[in-house]
Amino acid sequence: MAKDPKFTAGETAKLAWYIGRMAKRGIAGETVYQGDLERKVERIIDGAREREERQAADAAEAEKAASKARAKNLKTK
């Protein structure tokens, strides 16, 4: 299993809500359908992974731009 990303407060709250609902359905019986909630949880986790990848790419791009700017400033001095 892949490493879980860091979740925002909203994502954590949604996960807790859905997991609580899954637990409640689990108490009702083993044959109760939980696929809809499992998909919602997976969607939140996938969204958090995509957000982290996007943030990492943005940070790398910003660092590259800053490095270029520093190099340009050193070159002109």
PDB file of N, CA and C in Angstrom:
ATOM      1  N   MET A   1       0.839  -1.171   0.000  1.00  0.00           N
ATOM      2  CA  MET A   1       0.000   0.000   0.000  1.00  0.00           C
ATOM      3  C   MET A   1       0.888   1.239   0.000  1.00  0.00           C
ATOM      4  N   ALA A   2       0.513   2.213  -0.780  1.00  0.00           N
ATOM      5  CA  ALA A   2       1.275   3.441  -0.871  1.00  0.00           C
ATOM      6  C   ALA A   2       1.137   4.243   0.420  1.00  0.00           C
ATOM      7  N   LYS A   3       2.140   5.075   0.659  1.00  0.00           N
ATOM      8  CA  LYS A   3       2.126   5.914   1.855  1.00  0.00           C
ATOM      9  C   LYS A   3       0.972   6.904   1.768  1.00  0.00           C
ATOM     10  N   ASP A   4       0.225   7.034   2.854  1.00  0.00           N
ATOM     11  CA  ASP A   4      -0.893   7.979   2.876  1.00  0.00           C
ATOM     12  C   ASP A   4      -0.348   9.398   2.941  1.00  0.00           C
ATOM     13  N   PRO A   5      -0.975  10.310   2.225  1.00  0.00           N
ATOM     14  CA  PRO A   5      -0.528  11.705   2.245  1.00  0.00           C
ATOM     15  C   PRO A   5      -0.968  12.404   3.530  1.00  0.00           C
ATOM     16  N   LYS A   6      -0.446  13.606   3.735  1.00  0.00           N
ATOM     17  CA  LYS A   6      -0.933  14.417   4.844  1.00  0.00           C
ATOM     18  C   LYS A   6      -2.279  14.988   4.419  1.00  0.00           C
ATOM     19  N   PHE A   7      -3.241  14.885   5.295  1.00  0.00           N
ATOM     20  CA  PHE A   7      -4.587  15.335   4.988  1.00  0.00           C
ATOM     21  C   PHE A   7      -4.838  16.724   5.552  1.00  0.00           C
ATOM     22  N   THR A   8      -5.666  17.489   4.853  1.00  0.00           N
ATOM     23  CA  THR A   8      -6.094  18.782   5.378  1.00  0.00           C
ATOM     24  C   THR A   8      -7.143  18.520   6.465  1.00  0.00           C
ATOM     25  N   ALA A   9      -7.510  19.572   7.174  1.00  0.00           N
ATOM     26  CA  ALA A   9      -8.518  19.418   8.236  1.00  0.00           C
ATOM     27  C   ALA A   9      -9.850  18.964   7.647  1.00  0.00           C
ATOM     28  N   GLY A  10     -10.214  19.514   6.498  1.00  0.00           N
ATOM     29  CA  GLY A  10     -11.465  19.123   5.851  1.00  0.00           C
ATOM     30  C   GLY A  10     -11.461  17.672   5.414  1.00  0.00           C
ATOM     31  N   GLU A  11     -10.331  17.235   4.849  1.00  0.00           N
ATOM     32  CA  GLU A  11     -10.227  15.838   4.421  1.00  0.00           C
ATOM     33  C   GLU A  11     -10.286  14.896   5.619  1.00  0.00           C
ATOM     34  N   THR A  12      -9.641  15.292   6.714  1.00  0.00           N
ATOM     35  CA  THR A  12      -9.664  14.468   7.926  1.00  0.00           C
ATOM     36  C   THR A  12     -11.086  14.352   8.472  1.00  0.00           C
ATOM     37  N   ALA A  13     -11.807  15.447   8.459  1.00  0.00           N
ATOM     38  CA  ALA A  13     -13.191  15.435   8.955  1.00  0.00           C
ATOM     39  C   ALA A  13     -14.073  14.544   8.083  1.00  0.00           C
ATOM     40  N   LYS A  14     -13.912  14.657   6.759  1.00  0.00           N
ATOM     41  CA  LYS A  14     -14.713  13.820   5.861  1.00  0.00           C
ATOM     42  C   LYS A  14     -14.370  12.340   6.056  1.00  0.00           C
ATOM     43  N   LEU A  15     -13.078  12.044   6.185  1.00  0.00           N
ATOM     44  CA  LEU A  15     -12.679  10.650   6.397  1.00  0.00           C
ATOM     45  C   LEU A  15     -13.274  10.107   7.692  1.00  0.00           C
ATOM     46  N   ALA A  16     -13.212  10.895   8.744  1.00  0.00           N
ATOM     47  CA  ALA A  16     -13.769  10.457  10.027  1.00  0.00           C
ATOM     48  C   ALA A  16     -15.271  10.203   9.906  1.00  0.00           C
ATOM     49  N   TRP A  17     -15.962  11.079   9.199  1.00  0.00           N
ATOM     50  CA  TRP A  17     -17.409  10.933   9.018  1.00  0.00           C
ATOM     51  C   TRP A  17     -17.723   9.639   8.271  1.00  0.00           C
ATOM     52  N   TYR A  18     -17.035   9.414   7.148  1.00  0.00           N
ATOM     53  CA  TYR A  18     -17.310   8.216   6.353  1.00  0.00           C
ATOM     54  C   TYR A  18     -16.905   6.939   7.080  1.00  0.00           C
ATOM     55  N   ILE A  19     -15.802   6.969   7.793  1.00  0.00           N
ATOM     56  CA  ILE A  19     -15.372   5.783   8.540  1.00  0.00           C
ATOM     57  C   ILE A  19     -16.357   5.495   9.671  1.00  0.00           C
ATOM     58  N   GLY A  20     -16.874   6.547  10.306  1.00  0.00           N
ATOM     59  CA  GLY A  20     -17.900   6.359  11.333  1.00  0.00           C
ATOM     60  C   GLY A  20     -19.165   5.736  10.765  1.00  0.00           C
ATOM     61  N   ARG A  21     -19.555   6.211   9.575  1.00  0.00           N
ATOM     62  CA  ARG A  21     -20.736   5.629   8.923  1.00  0.00           C
ATOM     63  C   ARG A  21     -20.488   4.169   8.552  1.00  0.00           C
ATOM     64  N   MET A  22     -19.258   3.872   8.117  1.00  0.00           N
ATOM     65  CA  MET A  22     -18.928   2.489   7.776  1.00  0.00           C
ATOM     66  C   MET A  22     -18.996   1.610   9.022  1.00  0.00           C
ATOM     67  N   ALA A  23     -18.518   2.128  10.149  1.00  0.00           N
ATOM     68  CA  ALA A  23     -18.574   1.367  11.396  1.00  0.00           C
ATOM     69  C   ALA A  23     -20.021   1.118  11.810  1.00  0.00           C
ATOM     70  N   LYS A  24     -20.852   2.133  11.654  1.00  0.00           N
ATOM     71  CA  LYS A  24     -22.260   1.985  12.003  1.00  0.00           C
ATOM     72  C   LYS A  24     -22.925   0.923  11.135  1.00  0.00           C
ATOM     73  N   ARG A  25     -22.607   0.943   9.840  1.00  0.00           N
ATOM     74  CA  ARG A  25     -23.155  -0.080   8.954  1.00  0.00           C
ATOM     75  C   ARG A  25     -22.590  -1.456   9.290  1.00  0.00           C
ATOM     76  N   GLY A  26     -21.334  -1.494   9.728  1.00  0.00           N
ATOM     77  CA  GLY A  26     -20.722  -2.763  10.116  1.00  0.00           C
ATOM     78  C   GLY A  26     -21.423  -3.377  11.312  1.00  0.00           C
ATOM     79  N   ILE A  27     -21.878  -2.533  12.219  1.00  0.00           N
ATOM     80  CA  ILE A  27     -22.624  -3.022  13.389  1.00  0.00           C
ATOM     81  C   ILE A  27     -23.947  -3.627  12.943  1.00  0.00           C
ATOM     82  N   ALA A  28     -24.535  -3.062  11.892  1.00  0.00           N
ATOM     83  CA  ALA A  28     -25.828  -3.544  11.401  1.00  0.00           C
ATOM     84  C   ALA A  28     -25.725  -4.966  10.861  1.00  0.00           C
ATOM     85  N   GLY A  29     -24.565  -5.331  10.374  1.00  0.00           N
ATOM     86  CA  GLY A  29     -24.393  -6.691   9.875  1.00  0.00           C
ATOM     87  C   GLY A  29     -23.278  -6.767   8.849  1.00  0.00           C
ATOM     88  N   GLU A  30     -22.785  -7.982   8.651  1.00  0.00           N
ATOM     89  CA  GLU A  30     -21.673  -8.177   7.716  1.00  0.00           C
ATOM     90  C   GLU A  30     -22.113  -8.094   6.264  1.00  0.00           C
ATOM     91  N   THR A  31     -23.389  -8.265   6.015  1.00  0.00           N
ATOM     92  CA  THR A  31     -23.868  -8.283   4.636  1.00  0.00           C
ATOM     93  C   THR A  31     -24.324  -6.910   4.140  1.00  0.00           C
ATOM     94  N   VAL A  32     -24.182  -5.884   4.966  1.00  0.00           N
ATOM     95  CA  VAL A  32     -24.601  -4.534   4.582  1.00  0.00           C
ATOM     96  C   VAL A  32     -23.588  -3.974   3.589  1.00  0.00           C
ATOM     97  N   TYR A  33     -24.098  -3.378   2.514  1.00  0.00           N
ATOM     98  CA  TYR A  33     -23.249  -2.845   1.458  1.00  0.00           C
ATOM     99  C   TYR A  33     -22.534  -1.572   1.918  1.00  0.00           C
ATOM    100  N   GLN A  34     -21.191  -1.545   1.743  1.00  0.00           N
ATOM    101  CA  GLN A  34     -20.409  -0.378   2.129  1.00  0.00           C
ATOM    102  C   GLN A  34     -19.560   0.154   0.974  1.00  0.00           C
ATOM    103  N   GLY A  35     -19.766  -0.367  -0.202  1.00  0.00           N
ATOM    104  CA  GLY A  35     -18.953   0.011  -1.351  1.00  0.00           C
ATOM    105  C   GLY A  35     -19.012   1.489  -1.671  1.00  0.00           C
ATOM    106  N   ASP A  36     -20.177   2.102  -1.474  1.00  0.00           N
ATOM    107  CA  ASP A  36     -20.302   3.532  -1.767  1.00  0.00           C
ATOM    108  C   ASP A  36     -19.415   4.362  -0.851  1.00  0.00           C
ATOM    109  N   LEU A  37     -19.381   4.004   0.428  1.00  0.00           N
ATOM    110  CA  LEU A  37     -18.544   4.747   1.373  1.00  0.00           C
ATOM    111  C   LEU A  37     -17.063   4.472   1.129  1.00  0.00           C
ATOM    112  N   GLU A  38     -16.736   3.231   0.775  1.00  0.00           N
ATOM    113  CA  GLU A  38     -15.337   2.894   0.475  1.00  0.00           C
ATOM    114  C   GLU A  38     -14.838   3.695  -0.713  1.00  0.00           C
ATOM    115  N   ARG A  39     -15.681   3.872  -1.735  1.00  0.00           N
ATOM    116  CA  ARG A  39     -15.292   4.673  -2.910  1.00  0.00           C
ATOM    117  C   ARG A  39     -15.071   6.128  -2.522  1.00  0.00           C
ATOM    118  N   LYS A  40     -15.926   6.657  -1.643  1.00  0.00           N
ATOM    119  CA  LYS A  40     -15.773   8.044  -1.207  1.00  0.00           C
ATOM    120  C   LYS A  40     -14.469   8.238  -0.435  1.00  0.00           C
ATOM    121  N   VAL A  41     -14.133   7.287   0.414  1.00  0.00           N
ATOM    122  CA  VAL A  41     -12.879   7.362   1.172  1.00  0.00           C
ATOM    123  C   VAL A  41     -11.690   7.301   0.221  1.00  0.00           C
ATOM    124  N   GLU A  42     -11.722   6.388  -0.743  1.00  0.00           N
ATOM    125  CA  GLU A  42     -10.631   6.267  -1.712  1.00  0.00           C
ATOM    126  C   GLU A  42     -10.503   7.543  -2.539  1.00  0.00           C
ATOM    127  N   ARG A  43     -11.620   8.146  -2.895  1.00  0.00           N
ATOM    128  CA  ARG A  43     -11.593   9.383  -3.678  1.00  0.00           C
ATOM    129  C   ARG A  43     -10.920  10.504  -2.886  1.00  0.00           C
ATOM    130  N   ILE A  44     -11.194  10.592  -1.597  1.00  0.00           N
ATOM    131  CA  ILE A  44     -10.564  11.612  -0.756  1.00  0.00           C
ATOM    132  C   ILE A  44      -9.062  11.365  -0.669  1.00  0.00           C
ATOM    133  N   ILE A  45      -8.661  10.109  -0.481  1.00  0.00           N
ATOM    134  CA  ILE A  45      -7.241   9.775  -0.385  1.00  0.00           C
ATOM    135  C   ILE A  45      -6.529  10.071  -1.703  1.00  0.00           C
ATOM    136  N   ASP A  46      -7.152   9.695  -2.822  1.00  0.00           N
ATOM    137  CA  ASP A  46      -6.557   9.978  -4.128  1.00  0.00           C
ATOM    138  C   ASP A  46      -6.438  11.478  -4.367  1.00  0.00           C
ATOM    139  N   GLY A  47      -7.449  12.224  -3.988  1.00  0.00           N
ATOM    140  CA  GLY A  47      -7.402  13.677  -4.137  1.00  0.00           C
ATOM    141  C   GLY A  47      -6.282  14.300  -3.316  1.00  0.00           C
ATOM    142  N   ALA A  48      -6.065  13.784  -2.111  1.00  0.00           N
ATOM    143  CA  ALA A  48      -4.987  14.296  -1.257  1.00  0.00           C
ATOM    144  C   ALA A  48      -3.624  13.974  -1.867  1.00  0.00           C
ATOM    145  N   ARG A  49      -3.489  12.782  -2.442  1.00  0.00           N
ATOM    146  CA  ARG A  49      -2.227  12.427  -3.107  1.00  0.00           C
ATOM    147  C   ARG A  49      -1.965  13.355  -4.293  1.00  0.00           C
ATOM    148  N   GLU A  50      -2.999  13.598  -5.097  1.00  0.00           N
ATOM    149  CA  GLU A  50      -2.846  14.495  -6.245  1.00  0.00           C
ATOM    150  C   GLU A  50      -2.488  15.903  -5.790  1.00  0.00           C
ATOM    151  N   ARG A  51      -3.117  16.366  -4.715  1.00  0.00           N
ATOM    152  CA  ARG A  51      -2.822  17.697  -4.189  1.00  0.00           C
ATOM    153  C   ARG A  51      -1.369  17.790  -3.744  1.00  0.00           C
ATOM    154  N   GLU A  52      -0.875  16.764  -3.045  1.00  0.00           N
ATOM    155  CA  GLU A  52       0.511  16.770  -2.601  1.00  0.00           C
ATOM    156  C   GLU A  52       1.477  16.754  -3.780  1.00  0.00           C
ATOM    157  N   GLU A  53       1.167  15.964  -4.801  1.00  0.00           N
ATOM    158  CA  GLU A  53       2.024  15.937  -5.989  1.00  0.00           C
ATOM    159  C   GLU A  53       2.043  17.302  -6.668  1.00  0.00           C
ATOM    160  N   ARG A  54       0.874  17.931  -6.773  1.00  0.00           N
ATOM    161  CA  ARG A  54       0.770  19.255  -7.379  1.00  0.00           C
ATOM    162  C   ARG A  54       1.567  20.284  -6.582  1.00  0.00           C
ATOM    163  N   GLN A  55       1.466  20.230  -5.255  1.00  0.00           N
ATOM    164  CA  GLN A  55       2.192  21.163  -4.405  1.00  0.00           C
ATOM    165  C   GLN A  55       3.694  20.943  -4.517  1.00  0.00           C
ATOM    166  N   ALA A  56       4.118  19.685  -4.600  1.00  0.00           N
ATOM    167  CA  ALA A  56       5.545  19.387  -4.738  1.00  0.00           C
ATOM    168  C   ALA A  56       6.066  19.903  -6.077  1.00  0.00           C
ATOM    169  N   ALA A  57       5.288  19.727  -7.134  1.00  0.00           N
ATOM    170  CA  ALA A  57       5.699  20.211  -8.452  1.00  0.00           C
ATOM    171  C   ALA A  57       5.760  21.735  -8.466  1.00  0.00           C
ATOM    172  N   ASP A  58       4.784  22.384  -7.844  1.00  0.00           N
ATOM    173  CA  ASP A  58       4.790  23.847  -7.773  1.00  0.00           C
ATOM    174  C   ASP A  58       5.988  24.357  -6.974  1.00  0.00           C
ATOM    175  N   ALA A  59       6.301  23.681  -5.880  1.00  0.00           N
ATOM    176  CA  ALA A  59       7.438  24.086  -5.064  1.00  0.00           C
ATOM    177  C   ALA A  59       8.747  23.900  -5.830  1.00  0.00           C
ATOM    178  N   ALA A  60       8.859  22.800  -6.572  1.00  0.00           N
ATOM    179  CA  ALA A  60      10.065  22.563  -7.359  1.00  0.00           C
ATOM    180  C   ALA A  60      10.204  23.616  -8.455  1.00  0.00           C
ATOM    181  N   GLU A  61       9.091  23.963  -9.076  1.00  0.00           N
ATOM    182  CA  GLU A  61       9.113  24.983 -10.125  1.00  0.00           C
ATOM    183  C   GLU A  61       9.492  26.344  -9.543  1.00  0.00           C
ATOM    184  N   ALA A  62       8.970  26.670  -8.374  1.00  0.00           N
ATOM    185  CA  ALA A  62       9.293  27.938  -7.734  1.00  0.00           C
ATOM    186  C   ALA A  62      10.770  27.981  -7.335  1.00  0.00           C
ATOM    187  N   GLU A  63      11.279  26.873  -6.848  1.00  0.00           N
ATOM    188  CA  GLU A  63      12.702  26.812  -6.476  1.00  0.00           C
ATOM    189  C   GLU A  63      13.584  26.971  -7.706  1.00  0.00           C
ATOM    190  N   LYS A  64      13.191  26.368  -8.804  1.00  0.00           N
ATOM    191  CA  LYS A  64      13.953  26.484 -10.048  1.00  0.00           C
ATOM    192  C   LYS A  64      13.958  27.932 -10.530  1.00  0.00           C
ATOM    193  N   ALA A  65      12.808  28.592 -10.460  1.00  0.00           N
ATOM    194  CA  ALA A  65      12.717  29.997 -10.873  1.00  0.00           C
ATOM    195  C   ALA A  65      13.556  30.884  -9.960  1.00  0.00           C
ATOM    196  N   ALA A  66      13.532  30.616  -8.665  1.00  0.00           N
ATOM    197  CA  ALA A  66      14.320  31.399  -7.720  1.00  0.00           C
ATOM    198  C   ALA A  66      15.810  31.191  -7.960  1.00  0.00           C
ATOM    199  N   SER A  67      16.188  29.961  -8.265  1.00  0.00           N
ATOM    200  CA  SER A  67      17.589  29.663  -8.555  1.00  0.00           C
ATOM    201  C   SER A  67      18.055  30.407  -9.803  1.00  0.00           C
ATOM    202  N   LYS A  68      17.196  30.428 -10.822  1.00  0.00           N
ATOM    203  CA  LYS A  68      17.520  31.166 -12.052  1.00  0.00           C
ATOM    204  C   LYS A  68      17.677  32.647 -11.753  1.00  0.00           C
ATOM    205  N   ALA A  69      16.790  33.194 -10.944  1.00  0.00           N
ATOM    206  CA  ALA A  69      16.839  34.612 -10.604  1.00  0.00           C
ATOM    207  C   ALA A  69      18.108  34.936  -9.829  1.00  0.00           C
ATOM    208  N   ARG A  70      18.500  34.062  -8.894  1.00  0.00           N
ATOM    209  CA  ARG A  70      19.736  34.284  -8.139  1.00  0.00           C
ATOM    210  C   ARG A  70      20.939  34.246  -9.062  1.00  0.00           C
ATOM    211  N   ALA A  71      20.947  33.294  -9.980  1.00  0.00           N
ATOM    212  CA  ALA A  71      22.057  33.177 -10.917  1.00  0.00           C
ATOM    213  C   ALA A  71      22.129  34.415 -11.811  1.00  0.00           C
ATOM    214  N   LYS A  72      20.992  34.914 -12.228  1.00  0.00           N
ATOM    215  CA  LYS A  72      20.956  36.105 -13.071  1.00  0.00           C
ATOM    216  C   LYS A  72      21.445  37.321 -12.302  1.00  0.00           C
ATOM    217  N   ASN A  73      21.042  37.440 -11.043  1.00  0.00           N
ATOM    218  CA  ASN A  73      21.485  38.565 -10.222  1.00  0.00           C
ATOM    219  C   ASN A  73      22.980  38.516  -9.950  1.00  0.00           C
ATOM    220  N   LEU A  74      23.537  37.355  -9.730  1.00  0.00           N
ATOM    221  CA  LEU A  74      24.972  37.217  -9.516  1.00  0.00           C
ATOM    222  C   LEU A  74      25.746  37.554 -10.786  1.00  0.00           C
ATOM    223  N   LYS A  75      25.157  37.196 -11.918  1.00  0.00           N
ATOM    224  CA  LYS A  75      25.813  37.417 -13.202  1.00  0.00           C
ATOM    225  C   LYS A  75      25.885  38.914 -13.524  1.00  0.00           C
ATOM    226  N   THR A  76      24.862  39.667 -13.156  1.00  0.00           N
ATOM    227  CA  THR A  76      24.806  41.101 -13.475  1.00  0.00           C
ATOM    228  C   THR A  76      25.617  41.949 -12.510  1.00  0.00           C
ATOM    229  N   LYS A  77      25.988  41.424 -11.372  1.00  0.00           N
ATOM    230  CA  LYS A  77      26.752  42.209 -10.384  1.00  0.00           C
ATOM    231  C   LYS A  77      28.196  42.206 -10.648  1.00  0.00           C
TER     232      LYS A  77
END
